[in-house]
Amino acid sequence: MEYTILIHKAEEGGFWAEVPALPGCFSQGETVEETIANTKEAIELHISCLKEDHEEIPLDDEFIISRIRVGTVAS
């Protein structure tokens, strides 16, 4: 399985990540690489808990991530 993660810069330094397909699944790290590794572990634990509770495992098939370039907005 693959999941989309969104990585954000943390105000206090480092990074934090969220997993849109798994509400409540977050992690953090000092570097992007550490954040990715920690988020992978968080996803695995989140799915393990869902399985223990006999809940459905959400798939990550509804997200489209894109970037849009805009020009300077005049005021």
PDB file of N, CA and C in Angstrom:
ATOM      1  N   MET A   1       0.846  -1.183   0.000  1.00  0.00           N
ATOM      2  CA  MET A   1       0.000   0.000   0.000  1.00  0.00           C
ATOM      3  C   MET A   1       0.889   1.242   0.000  1.00  0.00           C
ATOM      4  N   GLU A   2       0.393   2.271  -0.578  1.00  0.00           N
ATOM      5  CA  GLU A   2       1.064   3.568  -0.551  1.00  0.00           C
ATOM      6  C   GLU A   2       0.085   4.619  -0.055  1.00  0.00           C
ATOM      7  N   TYR A   3       0.612   5.565   0.705  1.00  0.00           N
ATOM      8  CA  TYR A   3      -0.198   6.663   1.215  1.00  0.00           C
ATOM      9  C   TYR A   3       0.469   7.994   0.905  1.00  0.00           C
ATOM     10  N   THR A   4      -0.342   8.972   0.570  1.00  0.00           N
ATOM     11  CA  THR A   4       0.127  10.339   0.371  1.00  0.00           C
ATOM     12  C   THR A   4       0.378  10.953   1.738  1.00  0.00           C
ATOM     13  N   ILE A   5       1.532  11.622   1.888  1.00  0.00           N
ATOM     14  CA  ILE A   5       1.780  12.369   3.116  1.00  0.00           C
ATOM     15  C   ILE A   5       2.057  13.821   2.738  1.00  0.00           C
ATOM     16  N   LEU A   6       1.660  14.720   3.594  1.00  0.00           N
ATOM     17  CA  LEU A   6       1.926  16.141   3.414  1.00  0.00           C
ATOM     18  C   LEU A   6       2.910  16.553   4.501  1.00  0.00           C
ATOM     19  N   ILE A   7       4.046  17.103   4.085  1.00  0.00           N
ATOM     20  CA  ILE A   7       5.086  17.491   5.022  1.00  0.00           C
ATOM     21  C   ILE A   7       5.083  19.006   5.151  1.00  0.00           C
ATOM     22  N   HIS A   8       5.085  19.477   6.388  1.00  0.00           N
ATOM     23  CA  HIS A   8       5.053  20.901   6.690  1.00  0.00           C
ATOM     24  C   HIS A   8       6.285  21.276   7.503  1.00  0.00           C
ATOM     25  N   LYS A   9       6.766  22.494   7.329  1.00  0.00           N
ATOM     26  CA  LYS A   9       7.803  23.002   8.213  1.00  0.00           C
ATOM     27  C   LYS A   9       7.145  23.342   9.541  1.00  0.00           C
ATOM     28  N   ALA A  10       7.763  22.932  10.631  1.00  0.00           N
ATOM     29  CA  ALA A  10       7.237  23.231  11.959  1.00  0.00           C
ATOM     30  C   ALA A  10       7.743  24.597  12.408  1.00  0.00           C
ATOM     31  N   GLU A  11       6.892  25.366  13.064  1.00  0.00           N
ATOM     32  CA  GLU A  11       7.263  26.702  13.539  1.00  0.00           C
ATOM     33  C   GLU A  11       8.472  26.658  14.470  1.00  0.00           C
ATOM     34  N   GLU A  12       8.550  25.617  15.304  1.00  0.00           N
ATOM     35  CA  GLU A  12       9.634  25.514  16.280  1.00  0.00           C
ATOM     36  C   GLU A  12      10.882  24.863  15.695  1.00  0.00           C
ATOM     37  N   GLY A  13      10.859  24.550  14.405  1.00  0.00           N
ATOM     38  CA  GLY A  13      11.978  23.884  13.740  1.00  0.00           C
ATOM     39  C   GLY A  13      11.610  22.452  13.404  1.00  0.00           C
ATOM     40  N   GLY A  14      12.295  21.892  12.459  1.00  0.00           N
ATOM     41  CA  GLY A  14      11.983  20.537  12.016  1.00  0.00           C
ATOM     42  C   GLY A  14      10.751  20.520  11.120  1.00  0.00           C
ATOM     43  N   PHE A  15      10.148  19.363  11.031  1.00  0.00           N
ATOM     44  CA  PHE A  15       9.018  19.158  10.132  1.00  0.00           C
ATOM     45  C   PHE A  15       7.973  18.284  10.805  1.00  0.00           C
ATOM     46  N   TRP A  16       6.752  18.362  10.301  1.00  0.00           N
ATOM     47  CA  TRP A  16       5.699  17.449  10.731  1.00  0.00           C
ATOM     48  C   TRP A  16       4.940  17.015   9.494  1.00  0.00           C
ATOM     49  N   ALA A  17       4.327  15.828   9.575  1.00  0.00           N
ATOM     50  CA  ALA A  17       3.615  15.277   8.420  1.00  0.00           C
ATOM     51  C   ALA A  17       2.246  14.779   8.833  1.00  0.00           C
ATOM     52  N   GLU A  18       1.336  14.841   7.879  1.00  0.00           N
ATOM     53  CA  GLU A  18      -0.013  14.312   8.071  1.00  0.00           C
ATOM     54  C   GLU A  18      -0.321  13.347   6.939  1.00  0.00           C
ATOM     55  N   VAL A  19      -1.235  12.430   7.202  1.00  0.00           N
ATOM     56  CA  VAL A  19      -1.642  11.430   6.223  1.00  0.00           C
ATOM     57  C   VAL A  19      -3.132  11.657   5.962  1.00  0.00           C
ATOM     58  N   PRO A  20      -3.482  12.350   4.869  1.00  0.00           N
ATOM     59  CA  PRO A  20      -4.888  12.701   4.640  1.00  0.00           C
ATOM     60  C   PRO A  20      -5.853  11.518   4.625  1.00  0.00           C
ATOM     61  N   ALA A  21      -5.420  10.372   4.132  1.00  0.00           N
ATOM     62  CA  ALA A  21      -6.314   9.211   4.059  1.00  0.00           C
ATOM     63  C   ALA A  21      -6.535   8.556   5.417  1.00  0.00           C
ATOM     64  N   LEU A  22      -5.678   8.891   6.394  1.00  0.00           N
ATOM     65  CA  LEU A  22      -5.781   8.302   7.725  1.00  0.00           C
ATOM     66  C   LEU A  22      -5.930   9.422   8.753  1.00  0.00           C
ATOM     67  N   PRO A  23      -7.124   9.944   8.921  1.00  0.00           N
ATOM     68  CA  PRO A  23      -7.330  11.047   9.858  1.00  0.00           C
ATOM     69  C   PRO A  23      -6.761  10.718  11.244  1.00  0.00           C
ATOM     70  N   GLY A  24      -6.016  11.666  11.787  1.00  0.00           N
ATOM     71  CA  GLY A  24      -5.411  11.485  13.097  1.00  0.00           C
ATOM     72  C   GLY A  24      -4.019  10.888  13.044  1.00  0.00           C
ATOM     73  N   CYS A  25      -3.541  10.547  11.847  1.00  0.00           N
ATOM     74  CA  CYS A  25      -2.203   9.966  11.701  1.00  0.00           C
ATOM     75  C   CYS A  25      -1.222  11.084  11.355  1.00  0.00           C
ATOM     76  N   PHE A  26      -0.356  11.403  12.306  1.00  0.00           N
ATOM     77  CA  PHE A  26       0.629  12.473  12.169  1.00  0.00           C
ATOM     78  C   PHE A  26       1.974  11.977  12.676  1.00  0.00           C
ATOM     79  N   SER A  27       3.052  12.655  12.283  1.00  0.00           N
ATOM     80  CA  SER A  27       4.355  12.402  12.873  1.00  0.00           C
ATOM     81  C   SER A  27       5.231  13.625  12.648  1.00  0.00           C
ATOM     82  N   GLN A  28       6.463  13.556  13.140  1.00  0.00           N
ATOM     83  CA  GLN A  28       7.364  14.696  13.018  1.00  0.00           C
ATOM     84  C   GLN A  28       8.802  14.209  12.972  1.00  0.00           C
ATOM     85  N   GLY A  29       9.722  15.142  12.706  1.00  0.00           N
ATOM     86  CA  GLY A  29      11.138  14.814  12.712  1.00  0.00           C
ATOM     87  C   GLY A  29      11.962  16.075  12.544  1.00  0.00           C
ATOM     88  N   GLU A  30      13.251  15.959  12.785  1.00  0.00           N
ATOM     89  CA  GLU A  30      14.153  17.101  12.638  1.00  0.00           C
ATOM     90  C   GLU A  30      14.479  17.376  11.175  1.00  0.00           C
ATOM     91  N   THR A  31      14.496  16.327  10.331  1.00  0.00           N
ATOM     92  CA  THR A  31      14.770  16.465   8.901  1.00  0.00           C
ATOM     93  C   THR A  31      13.598  15.878   8.120  1.00  0.00           C
ATOM     94  N   VAL A  32      13.561  16.171   6.821  1.00  0.00           N
ATOM     95  CA  VAL A  32      12.513  15.594   5.973  1.00  0.00           C
ATOM     96  C   VAL A  32      12.637  14.074   5.978  1.00  0.00           C
ATOM     97  N   GLU A  33      13.859  13.573   5.878  1.00  0.00           N
ATOM     98  CA  GLU A  33      14.071  12.127   5.838  1.00  0.00           C
ATOM     99  C   GLU A  33      13.589  11.458   7.128  1.00  0.00           C
ATOM    100  N   GLU A  34      13.912  12.070   8.276  1.00  0.00           N
ATOM    101  CA  GLU A  34      13.466  11.532   9.558  1.00  0.00           C
ATOM    102  C   GLU A  34      11.945  11.596   9.664  1.00  0.00           C
ATOM    103  N   THR A  35      11.362  12.667   9.169  1.00  0.00           N
ATOM    104  CA  THR A  35       9.907  12.814   9.195  1.00  0.00           C
ATOM    105  C   THR A  35       9.244  11.734   8.356  1.00  0.00           C
ATOM    106  N   ILE A  36       9.801  11.446   7.192  1.00  0.00           N
ATOM    107  CA  ILE A  36       9.249  10.387   6.331  1.00  0.00           C
ATOM    108  C   ILE A  36       9.344   9.032   7.035  1.00  0.00           C
ATOM    109  N   ALA A  37      10.502   8.727   7.611  1.00  0.00           N
ATOM    110  CA  ALA A  37      10.679   7.448   8.312  1.00  0.00           C
ATOM    111  C   ALA A  37       9.714   7.335   9.491  1.00  0.00           C
ATOM    112  N   ASN A  38       9.579   8.403  10.269  1.00  0.00           N
ATOM    113  CA  ASN A  38       8.675   8.388  11.414  1.00  0.00           C
ATOM    114  C   ASN A  38       7.219   8.269  10.976  1.00  0.00           C
ATOM    115  N   THR A  39       6.883   8.897   9.853  1.00  0.00           N
ATOM    116  CA  THR A  39       5.508   8.836   9.347  1.00  0.00           C
ATOM    117  C   THR A  39       5.192   7.444   8.832  1.00  0.00           C
ATOM    118  N   LYS A  40       6.165   6.781   8.219  1.00  0.00           N
ATOM    119  CA  LYS A  40       5.963   5.394   7.785  1.00  0.00           C
ATOM    120  C   LYS A  40       5.625   4.524   8.987  1.00  0.00           C
ATOM    121  N   GLU A  41       6.370   4.695  10.074  1.00  0.00           N
ATOM    122  CA  GLU A  41       6.101   3.938  11.297  1.00  0.00           C
ATOM    123  C   GLU A  41       4.718   4.275  11.854  1.00  0.00           C
ATOM    124  N   ALA A  42       4.352   5.563  11.824  1.00  0.00           N
ATOM    125  CA  ALA A  42       3.031   5.982  12.312  1.00  0.00           C
ATOM    126  C   ALA A  42       1.912   5.358  11.483  1.00  0.00           C
ATOM    127  N   ILE A  43       2.101   5.284  10.171  1.00  0.00           N
ATOM    128  CA  ILE A  43       1.094   4.670   9.289  1.00  0.00           C
ATOM    129  C   ILE A  43       0.942   3.190   9.643  1.00  0.00           C
ATOM    130  N   GLU A  44       2.068   2.504   9.801  1.00  0.00           N
ATOM    131  CA  GLU A  44       2.013   1.077  10.128  1.00  0.00           C
ATOM    132  C   GLU A  44       1.293   0.843  11.459  1.00  0.00           C
ATOM    133  N   LEU A  45       1.582   1.663  12.453  1.00  0.00           N
ATOM    134  CA  LEU A  45       0.913   1.528  13.752  1.00  0.00           C
ATOM    135  C   LEU A  45      -0.569   1.859  13.662  1.00  0.00           C
ATOM    136  N   HIS A  46      -0.897   2.902  12.891  1.00  0.00           N
ATOM    137  CA  HIS A  46      -2.291   3.312  12.713  1.00  0.00           C
ATOM    138  C   HIS A  46      -3.095   2.168  12.076  1.00  0.00           C
ATOM    139  N   ILE A  47      -2.535   1.575  11.019  1.00  0.00           N
ATOM    140  CA  ILE A  47      -3.219   0.472  10.336  1.00  0.00           C
ATOM    141  C   ILE A  47      -3.340  -0.733  11.262  1.00  0.00           C
ATOM    142  N   SER A  48      -2.297  -1.011  12.045  1.00  0.00           N
ATOM    143  CA  SER A  48      -2.338  -2.118  12.994  1.00  0.00           C
ATOM    144  C   SER A  48      -3.481  -1.934  13.995  1.00  0.00           C
ATOM    145  N   CYS A  49      -3.650  -0.713  14.489  1.00  0.00           N
ATOM    146  CA  CYS A  49      -4.740  -0.420  15.435  1.00  0.00           C
ATOM    147  C   CYS A  49      -6.101  -0.578  14.779  1.00  0.00           C
ATOM    148  N   LEU A  50      -6.220  -0.130  13.527  1.00  0.00           N
ATOM    149  CA  LEU A  50      -7.487  -0.296  12.811  1.00  0.00           C
ATOM    150  C   LEU A  50      -7.828  -1.772  12.660  1.00  0.00           C
ATOM    151  N   LYS A  51      -6.811  -2.586  12.330  1.00  0.00           N
ATOM    152  CA  LYS A  51      -7.037  -4.026  12.179  1.00  0.00           C
ATOM    153  C   LYS A  51      -7.471  -4.653  13.503  1.00  0.00           C
ATOM    154  N   GLU A  52      -6.809  -4.273  14.599  1.00  0.00           N
ATOM    155  CA  GLU A  52      -7.168  -4.810  15.919  1.00  0.00           C
ATOM    156  C   GLU A  52      -8.609  -4.491  16.284  1.00  0.00           C
ATOM    157  N   ASP A  53      -9.061  -3.302  15.849  1.00  0.00           N
ATOM    158  CA  ASP A  53     -10.431  -2.878  16.141  1.00  0.00           C
ATOM    159  C   ASP A  53     -11.417  -3.349  15.075  1.00  0.00           C
ATOM    160  N   HIS A  54     -10.947  -4.157  14.133  1.00  0.00           N
ATOM    161  CA  HIS A  54     -11.770  -4.696  13.044  1.00  0.00           C
ATOM    162  C   HIS A  54     -12.425  -3.575  12.231  1.00  0.00           C
ATOM    163  N   GLU A  55     -11.678  -2.492  12.047  1.00  0.00           N
ATOM    164  CA  GLU A  55     -12.178  -1.373  11.246  1.00  0.00           C
ATOM    165  C   GLU A  55     -11.607  -1.453   9.836  1.00  0.00           C
ATOM    166  N   GLU A  56     -12.290  -0.810   8.917  1.00  0.00           N
ATOM    167  CA  GLU A  56     -11.864  -0.785   7.522  1.00  0.00           C
ATOM    168  C   GLU A  56     -10.561   0.009   7.385  1.00  0.00           C
ATOM    169  N   ILE A  57      -9.661  -0.481   6.540  1.00  0.00           N
ATOM    170  CA  ILE A  57      -8.396   0.214   6.267  1.00  0.00           C
ATOM    171  C   ILE A  57      -8.640   1.142   5.073  1.00  0.00           C
ATOM    172  N   PRO A  58      -8.604   2.452   5.283  1.00  0.00           N
ATOM    173  CA  PRO A  58      -8.846   3.381   4.176  1.00  0.00           C
ATOM    174  C   PRO A  58      -7.750   3.276   3.113  1.00  0.00           C
ATOM    175  N   LEU A  59      -8.158   3.345   1.868  1.00  0.00           N
ATOM    176  CA  LEU A  59      -7.206   3.385   0.768  1.00  0.00           C
ATOM    177  C   LEU A  59      -6.927   4.834   0.412  1.00  0.00           C
ATOM    178  N   ASP A  60      -5.789   5.057  -0.173  1.00  0.00           N
ATOM    179  CA  ASP A  60      -5.401   6.413  -0.583  1.00  0.00           C
ATOM    180  C   ASP A  60      -5.615   6.525  -2.084  1.00  0.00           C
ATOM    181  N   ASP A  61      -6.879   6.604  -2.489  1.00  0.00           N
ATOM    182  CA  ASP A  61      -7.163   6.678  -3.915  1.00  0.00           C
ATOM    183  C   ASP A  61      -8.028   7.882  -4.281  1.00  0.00           C
ATOM    184  N   GLU A  62      -8.201   8.799  -3.345  1.00  0.00           N
ATOM    185  CA  GLU A  62      -9.069   9.943  -3.605  1.00  0.00           C
ATOM    186  C   GLU A  62      -8.330  11.275  -3.589  1.00  0.00           C
ATOM    187  N   PHE A  63      -6.988  11.242  -3.491  1.00  0.00           N
ATOM    188  CA  PHE A  63      -6.248  12.495  -3.365  1.00  0.00           C
ATOM    189  C   PHE A  63      -5.464  12.796  -4.623  1.00  0.00           C
ATOM    190  N   ILE A  64      -5.542  14.041  -5.036  1.00  0.00           N
ATOM    191  CA  ILE A  64      -4.747  14.541  -6.148  1.00  0.00           C
ATOM    192  C   ILE A  64      -3.930  15.701  -5.598  1.00  0.00           C
ATOM    193  N   ILE A  65      -2.622  15.570  -5.678  1.00  0.00           N
ATOM    194  CA  ILE A  65      -1.735  16.622  -5.210  1.00  0.00           C
ATOM    195  C   ILE A  65      -1.178  17.333  -6.440  1.00  0.00           C
ATOM    196  N   SER A  66      -1.272  18.629  -6.440  1.00  0.00           N
ATOM    197  CA  SER A  66      -0.796  19.404  -7.581  1.00  0.00           C
ATOM    198  C   SER A  66      -0.267  20.736  -7.078  1.00  0.00           C
ATOM    199  N   ARG A  67       0.469  21.423  -7.928  1.00  0.00           N
ATOM    200  CA  ARG A  67       0.955  22.764  -7.619  1.00  0.00           C
ATOM    201  C   ARG A  67       0.442  23.689  -8.705  1.00  0.00           C
ATOM    202  N   ILE A  68       0.150  24.906  -8.303  1.00  0.00           N
ATOM    203  CA  ILE A  68      -0.324  25.931  -9.233  1.00  0.00           C
ATOM    204  C   ILE A  68       0.557  27.158  -9.090  1.00  0.00           C
ATOM    205  N   ARG A  69       1.100  27.619 -10.201  1.00  0.00           N
ATOM    206  CA  ARG A  69       1.922  28.817 -10.186  1.00  0.00           C
ATOM    207  C   ARG A  69       1.022  30.009 -10.512  1.00  0.00           C
ATOM    208  N   VAL A  70       1.094  31.056  -9.687  1.00  0.00           N
ATOM    209  CA  VAL A  70       0.341  32.266  -9.931  1.00  0.00           C
ATOM    210  C   VAL A  70       1.308  33.444  -9.993  1.00  0.00           C
ATOM    211  N   GLY A  71       0.917  34.443 -10.721  1.00  0.00           N
ATOM    212  CA  GLY A  71       1.733  35.643 -10.814  1.00  0.00           C
ATOM    213  C   GLY A  71       1.505  36.519  -9.588  1.00  0.00           C
ATOM    214  N   THR A  72       2.242  37.603  -9.532  1.00  0.00           N
ATOM    215  CA  THR A  72       2.083  38.553  -8.445  1.00  0.00           C
ATOM    216  C   THR A  72       0.701  39.185  -8.533  1.00  0.00           C
ATOM    217  N   VAL A  73       0.040  39.251  -7.400  1.00  0.00           N
ATOM    218  CA  VAL A  73      -1.291  39.835  -7.345  1.00  0.00           C
ATOM    219  C   VAL A  73      -1.151  41.316  -6.983  1.00  0.00           C
ATOM    220  N   ALA A  74      -1.637  42.173  -7.862  1.00  0.00           N
ATOM    221  CA  ALA A  74      -1.575  43.618  -7.602  1.00  0.00           C
ATOM    222  C   ALA A  74      -2.686  44.003  -6.642  1.00  0.00           C
ATOM    223  N   SER A  75      -2.397  44.928  -5.739  1.00  0.00           N
ATOM    224  CA  SER A  75      -3.438  45.360  -4.815  1.00  0.00           C
ATOM    225  C   SER A  75      -3.920  46.741  -5.162  1.00  0.00           C
TER     226      SER A  75
END
